[in-house]
Amino acid sequence: MQVATTQAAKALAALRVSRRRGASRRRRQARPAHLASPRAIDRALSRIDDLPAVRAGHVAAARARLDGGDVPTADEVVDMLVRRSVCDSLG
């Protein structure tokens, strides 16, 4: 597709106008690096709210196993975490 001379002229004119407007705009003050934006916090909270909740039955069963002296090994804990993350990503 070829650009007509009038289309190119209109595009250049629009760029010139937007550059002039942009130069006169005041810059927004930057937020300190250690502060998160309110929108980022809201997005993070909504993502957390969307995650499936931990079932109380699972927590009770795990506590019962721990109280009974059945402490999982590090490999078992990793297997549980991997299974949980896979199930969460599928769900």
N, C-alpha and C. Protein backbone atom coordinates (compact mmCIF):
# COMPACT_ATOMS: atom_id res chain seq x y z
N MET A 1 0.84 -1.18 0.00
CA MET A 1 0.00 0.00 0.00
C MET A 1 0.89 1.24 0.00
N GLN A 2 0.58 2.16 -0.87
CA GLN A 2 1.33 3.40 -0.94
C GLN A 2 0.58 4.51 -0.22
N VAL A 3 1.35 5.36 0.41
CA VAL A 3 0.77 6.48 1.14
C VAL A 3 0.69 7.67 0.20
N ALA A 4 -0.48 8.27 0.15
CA ALA A 4 -0.67 9.45 -0.69
C ALA A 4 0.05 10.64 -0.09
N THR A 5 0.39 11.59 -0.93
CA THR A 5 1.10 12.78 -0.48
C THR A 5 0.28 13.54 0.56
N THR A 6 -1.01 13.62 0.36
CA THR A 6 -1.85 14.34 1.33
C THR A 6 -1.89 13.61 2.68
N GLN A 7 -1.90 12.26 2.65
CA GLN A 7 -1.89 11.49 3.90
C GLN A 7 -0.59 11.71 4.65
N ALA A 8 0.53 11.72 3.92
CA ALA A 8 1.83 11.95 4.56
C ALA A 8 1.89 13.35 5.16
N ALA A 9 1.35 14.34 4.44
CA ALA A 9 1.36 15.71 4.94
C ALA A 9 0.52 15.83 6.21
N LYS A 10 -0.64 15.18 6.22
CA LYS A 10 -1.49 15.21 7.42
C LYS A 10 -0.80 14.54 8.60
N ALA A 11 -0.12 13.43 8.36
CA ALA A 11 0.58 12.72 9.44
C ALA A 11 1.71 13.58 10.01
N LEU A 12 2.47 14.23 9.13
CA LEU A 12 3.55 15.11 9.60
C LEU A 12 3.00 16.29 10.38
N ALA A 13 1.91 16.85 9.92
CA ALA A 13 1.30 17.97 10.64
C ALA A 13 0.82 17.53 12.02
N ALA A 14 0.24 16.35 12.10
CA ALA A 14 -0.22 15.84 13.40
C ALA A 14 0.95 15.61 14.33
N LEU A 15 2.07 15.11 13.81
CA LEU A 15 3.25 14.91 14.64
C LEU A 15 3.81 16.22 15.15
N ARG A 16 3.82 17.22 14.29
CA ARG A 16 4.34 18.53 14.72
C ARG A 16 3.48 19.11 15.83
N VAL A 17 2.17 19.00 15.68
CA VAL A 17 1.25 19.55 16.69
C VAL A 17 1.41 18.80 18.00
N SER A 18 1.49 17.47 17.94
CA SER A 18 1.61 16.69 19.18
C SER A 18 2.94 16.94 19.86
N ARG A 19 3.99 17.17 19.09
CA ARG A 19 5.29 17.48 19.70
C ARG A 19 5.24 18.81 20.43
N ARG A 20 4.59 19.79 19.81
CA ARG A 20 4.47 21.10 20.45
C ARG A 20 3.66 20.99 21.73
N ARG A 21 2.56 20.23 21.69
CA ARG A 21 1.73 20.05 22.88
C ARG A 21 2.50 19.31 23.96
N GLY A 22 3.23 18.29 23.55
CA GLY A 22 3.97 17.47 24.52
C GLY A 22 5.07 18.24 25.22
N ALA A 23 5.67 19.18 24.51
CA ALA A 23 6.76 19.94 25.10
C ALA A 23 6.27 20.88 26.19
N SER A 24 5.02 21.32 26.06
CA SER A 24 4.51 22.28 27.04
C SER A 24 3.87 21.60 28.25
N ARG A 25 3.65 20.30 28.17
CA ARG A 25 3.03 19.60 29.30
C ARG A 25 3.98 19.55 30.49
N ARG A 26 3.40 19.63 31.67
CA ARG A 26 4.22 19.49 32.88
C ARG A 26 4.46 18.03 33.14
N ARG A 27 5.64 17.73 33.57
CA ARG A 27 5.96 16.34 33.90
C ARG A 27 5.35 15.98 35.24
N ARG A 28 4.85 14.75 35.31
CA ARG A 28 4.28 14.26 36.55
C ARG A 28 5.42 13.94 37.50
N GLN A 29 5.25 14.27 38.76
CA GLN A 29 6.29 13.97 39.73
C GLN A 29 6.40 12.46 39.91
N ALA A 30 7.62 12.00 39.96
CA ALA A 30 7.86 10.57 40.12
C ALA A 30 7.59 10.15 41.56
N ARG A 31 7.05 8.96 41.70
CA ARG A 31 6.79 8.39 43.02
C ARG A 31 8.10 7.82 43.54
N PRO A 32 8.38 7.95 44.82
CA PRO A 32 9.59 7.33 45.35
C PRO A 32 9.62 5.84 45.04
N ALA A 33 10.80 5.32 44.77
CA ALA A 33 10.95 3.94 44.31
C ALA A 33 10.44 2.92 45.32
N HIS A 34 10.45 3.25 46.58
CA HIS A 34 10.04 2.28 47.60
C HIS A 34 8.53 2.19 47.80
N LEU A 35 7.76 3.03 47.12
CA LEU A 35 6.31 3.00 47.27
C LEU A 35 5.67 2.36 46.05
N ALA A 36 4.73 1.48 46.28
CA ALA A 36 3.98 0.87 45.18
C ALA A 36 2.79 1.75 44.85
N SER A 37 2.40 1.74 43.59
CA SER A 37 1.25 2.55 43.20
C SER A 37 -0.03 1.92 43.74
N PRO A 38 -1.02 2.72 44.01
CA PRO A 38 -2.30 2.18 44.49
C PRO A 38 -2.92 1.19 43.51
N ARG A 39 -2.76 1.44 42.22
CA ARG A 39 -3.30 0.50 41.23
C ARG A 39 -2.60 -0.85 41.30
N ALA A 40 -1.27 -0.84 41.51
CA ALA A 40 -0.54 -2.10 41.62
C ALA A 40 -0.99 -2.88 42.85
N ILE A 41 -1.24 -2.17 43.93
CA ILE A 41 -1.71 -2.83 45.15
C ILE A 41 -3.09 -3.43 44.92
N ASP A 42 -3.98 -2.67 44.27
CA ASP A 42 -5.33 -3.18 43.99
C ASP A 42 -5.28 -4.40 43.09
N ARG A 43 -4.41 -4.38 42.06
CA ARG A 43 -4.29 -5.54 41.17
C ARG A 43 -3.78 -6.76 41.93
N ALA A 44 -2.79 -6.55 42.80
CA ALA A 44 -2.25 -7.67 43.57
C ALA A 44 -3.31 -8.25 44.50
N LEU A 45 -4.07 -7.39 45.15
CA LEU A 45 -5.12 -7.87 46.06
C LEU A 45 -6.21 -8.62 45.31
N SER A 46 -6.56 -8.14 44.12
CA SER A 46 -7.59 -8.85 43.36
C SER A 46 -7.08 -10.20 42.88
N ARG A 47 -5.80 -10.29 42.54
CA ARG A 47 -5.24 -11.59 42.16
C ARG A 47 -5.23 -12.55 43.35
N ILE A 48 -4.90 -12.05 44.51
CA ILE A 48 -4.90 -12.90 45.71
C ILE A 48 -6.32 -13.37 45.99
N ASP A 49 -7.29 -12.47 45.85
CA ASP A 49 -8.69 -12.84 46.08
C ASP A 49 -9.17 -13.89 45.10
N ASP A 50 -8.62 -13.88 43.88
CA ASP A 50 -9.02 -14.86 42.86
C ASP A 50 -8.41 -16.24 43.08
N LEU A 51 -7.37 -16.33 43.90
CA LEU A 51 -6.74 -17.62 44.14
C LEU A 51 -7.65 -18.52 44.96
N PRO A 52 -7.57 -19.83 44.71
CA PRO A 52 -8.40 -20.74 45.51
C PRO A 52 -7.95 -20.72 46.98
N ALA A 53 -8.92 -20.79 47.84
CA ALA A 53 -8.62 -20.75 49.27
C ALA A 53 -8.06 -22.09 49.74
N VAL A 54 -7.30 -22.05 50.81
CA VAL A 54 -6.81 -23.28 51.42
C VAL A 54 -7.97 -23.91 52.18
N ARG A 55 -8.19 -25.16 51.92
CA ARG A 55 -9.32 -25.82 52.57
C ARG A 55 -9.01 -26.11 54.04
N ALA A 56 -9.96 -25.81 54.89
CA ALA A 56 -9.78 -26.00 56.32
C ALA A 56 -9.55 -27.48 56.65
N GLY A 57 -10.16 -28.37 55.88
CA GLY A 57 -9.97 -29.80 56.11
C GLY A 57 -8.54 -30.23 55.88
N HIS A 58 -7.89 -29.66 54.86
CA HIS A 58 -6.49 -29.98 54.59
C HIS A 58 -5.59 -29.49 55.73
N VAL A 59 -5.89 -28.29 56.21
CA VAL A 59 -5.09 -27.73 57.31
C VAL A 59 -5.26 -28.59 58.56
N ALA A 60 -6.48 -28.99 58.86
CA ALA A 60 -6.73 -29.81 60.05
C ALA A 60 -6.03 -31.16 59.93
N ALA A 61 -6.07 -31.76 58.73
CA ALA A 61 -5.40 -33.05 58.54
C ALA A 61 -3.89 -32.91 58.69
N ALA A 62 -3.32 -31.84 58.17
CA ALA A 62 -1.88 -31.62 58.31
C ALA A 62 -1.49 -31.40 59.76
N ARG A 63 -2.31 -30.65 60.49
CA ARG A 63 -2.01 -30.44 61.92
C ARG A 63 -2.09 -31.76 62.69
N ALA A 64 -3.06 -32.60 62.35
CA ALA A 64 -3.19 -33.89 63.02
C ALA A 64 -1.97 -34.77 62.74
N ARG A 65 -1.49 -34.75 61.50
CA ARG A 65 -0.29 -35.53 61.17
C ARG A 65 0.91 -35.02 61.94
N LEU A 66 1.06 -33.70 62.04
CA LEU A 66 2.18 -33.13 62.78
C LEU A 66 2.09 -33.46 64.27
N ASP A 67 0.88 -33.37 64.81
CA ASP A 67 0.68 -33.70 66.23
C ASP A 67 0.99 -35.17 66.50
N GLY A 68 0.76 -36.01 65.50
CA GLY A 68 1.03 -37.44 65.65
C GLY A 68 2.49 -37.79 65.41
N GLY A 69 3.33 -36.78 65.12
CA GLY A 69 4.75 -37.03 64.91
C GLY A 69 5.12 -37.34 63.47
N ASP A 70 4.17 -37.24 62.55
CA ASP A 70 4.43 -37.51 61.14
C ASP A 70 4.91 -36.22 60.47
N VAL A 71 6.21 -35.94 60.57
CA VAL A 71 6.79 -34.73 59.99
C VAL A 71 7.27 -35.05 58.58
N PRO A 72 6.81 -34.31 57.57
CA PRO A 72 7.22 -34.61 56.20
C PRO A 72 8.68 -34.23 55.96
N THR A 73 9.30 -34.95 55.03
CA THR A 73 10.68 -34.62 54.64
C THR A 73 10.64 -33.41 53.71
N ALA A 74 11.80 -32.87 53.44
CA ALA A 74 11.88 -31.72 52.53
C ALA A 74 11.39 -32.11 51.13
N ASP A 75 11.71 -33.33 50.69
CA ASP A 75 11.26 -33.77 49.36
C ASP A 75 9.74 -33.88 49.31
N GLU A 76 9.12 -34.34 50.37
CA GLU A 76 7.67 -34.44 50.41
C GLU A 76 7.02 -33.06 50.37
N VAL A 77 7.62 -32.11 51.05
CA VAL A 77 7.09 -30.74 51.05
C VAL A 77 7.19 -30.15 49.65
N VAL A 78 8.33 -30.37 48.99
CA VAL A 78 8.49 -29.86 47.62
C VAL A 78 7.47 -30.50 46.69
N ASP A 79 7.26 -31.80 46.83
CA ASP A 79 6.25 -32.48 46.00
C ASP A 79 4.86 -31.87 46.22
N MET A 80 4.53 -31.58 47.48
CA MET A 80 3.24 -30.97 47.78
C MET A 80 3.12 -29.59 47.14
N LEU A 81 4.18 -28.80 47.23
CA LEU A 81 4.14 -27.45 46.66
C LEU A 81 4.00 -27.49 45.14
N VAL A 82 4.72 -28.41 44.51
CA VAL A 82 4.63 -28.53 43.05
C VAL A 82 3.21 -28.95 42.65
N ARG A 83 2.68 -29.93 43.36
CA ARG A 83 1.31 -30.37 43.04
C ARG A 83 0.32 -29.22 43.20
N ARG A 84 0.48 -28.47 44.27
CA ARG A 84 -0.42 -27.34 44.53
C ARG A 84 -0.33 -26.29 43.44
N SER A 85 0.90 -25.95 43.04
CA SER A 85 1.05 -24.91 42.01
C SER A 85 0.52 -25.38 40.67
N VAL A 86 0.70 -26.67 40.35
CA VAL A 86 0.15 -27.20 39.09
C VAL A 86 -1.37 -27.17 39.13
N CYS A 87 -1.94 -27.62 40.22
CA CYS A 87 -3.41 -27.62 40.34
C CYS A 87 -3.97 -26.20 40.28
N ASP A 88 -3.29 -25.24 40.92
CA ASP A 88 -3.75 -23.86 40.89
C ASP A 88 -3.67 -23.28 39.48
N SER A 89 -2.61 -23.62 38.75
CA SER A 89 -2.49 -23.08 37.40
C SER A 89 -3.50 -23.70 36.44
N LEU A 90 -3.91 -24.94 36.69
CA LEU A 90 -4.92 -25.59 35.85
C LEU A 90 -6.33 -25.12 36.18
N GLY A 91 -6.52 -24.77 37.45
CA GLY A 91 -7.86 -24.38 37.89
C GLY A 91 -8.16 -23.00 37.63
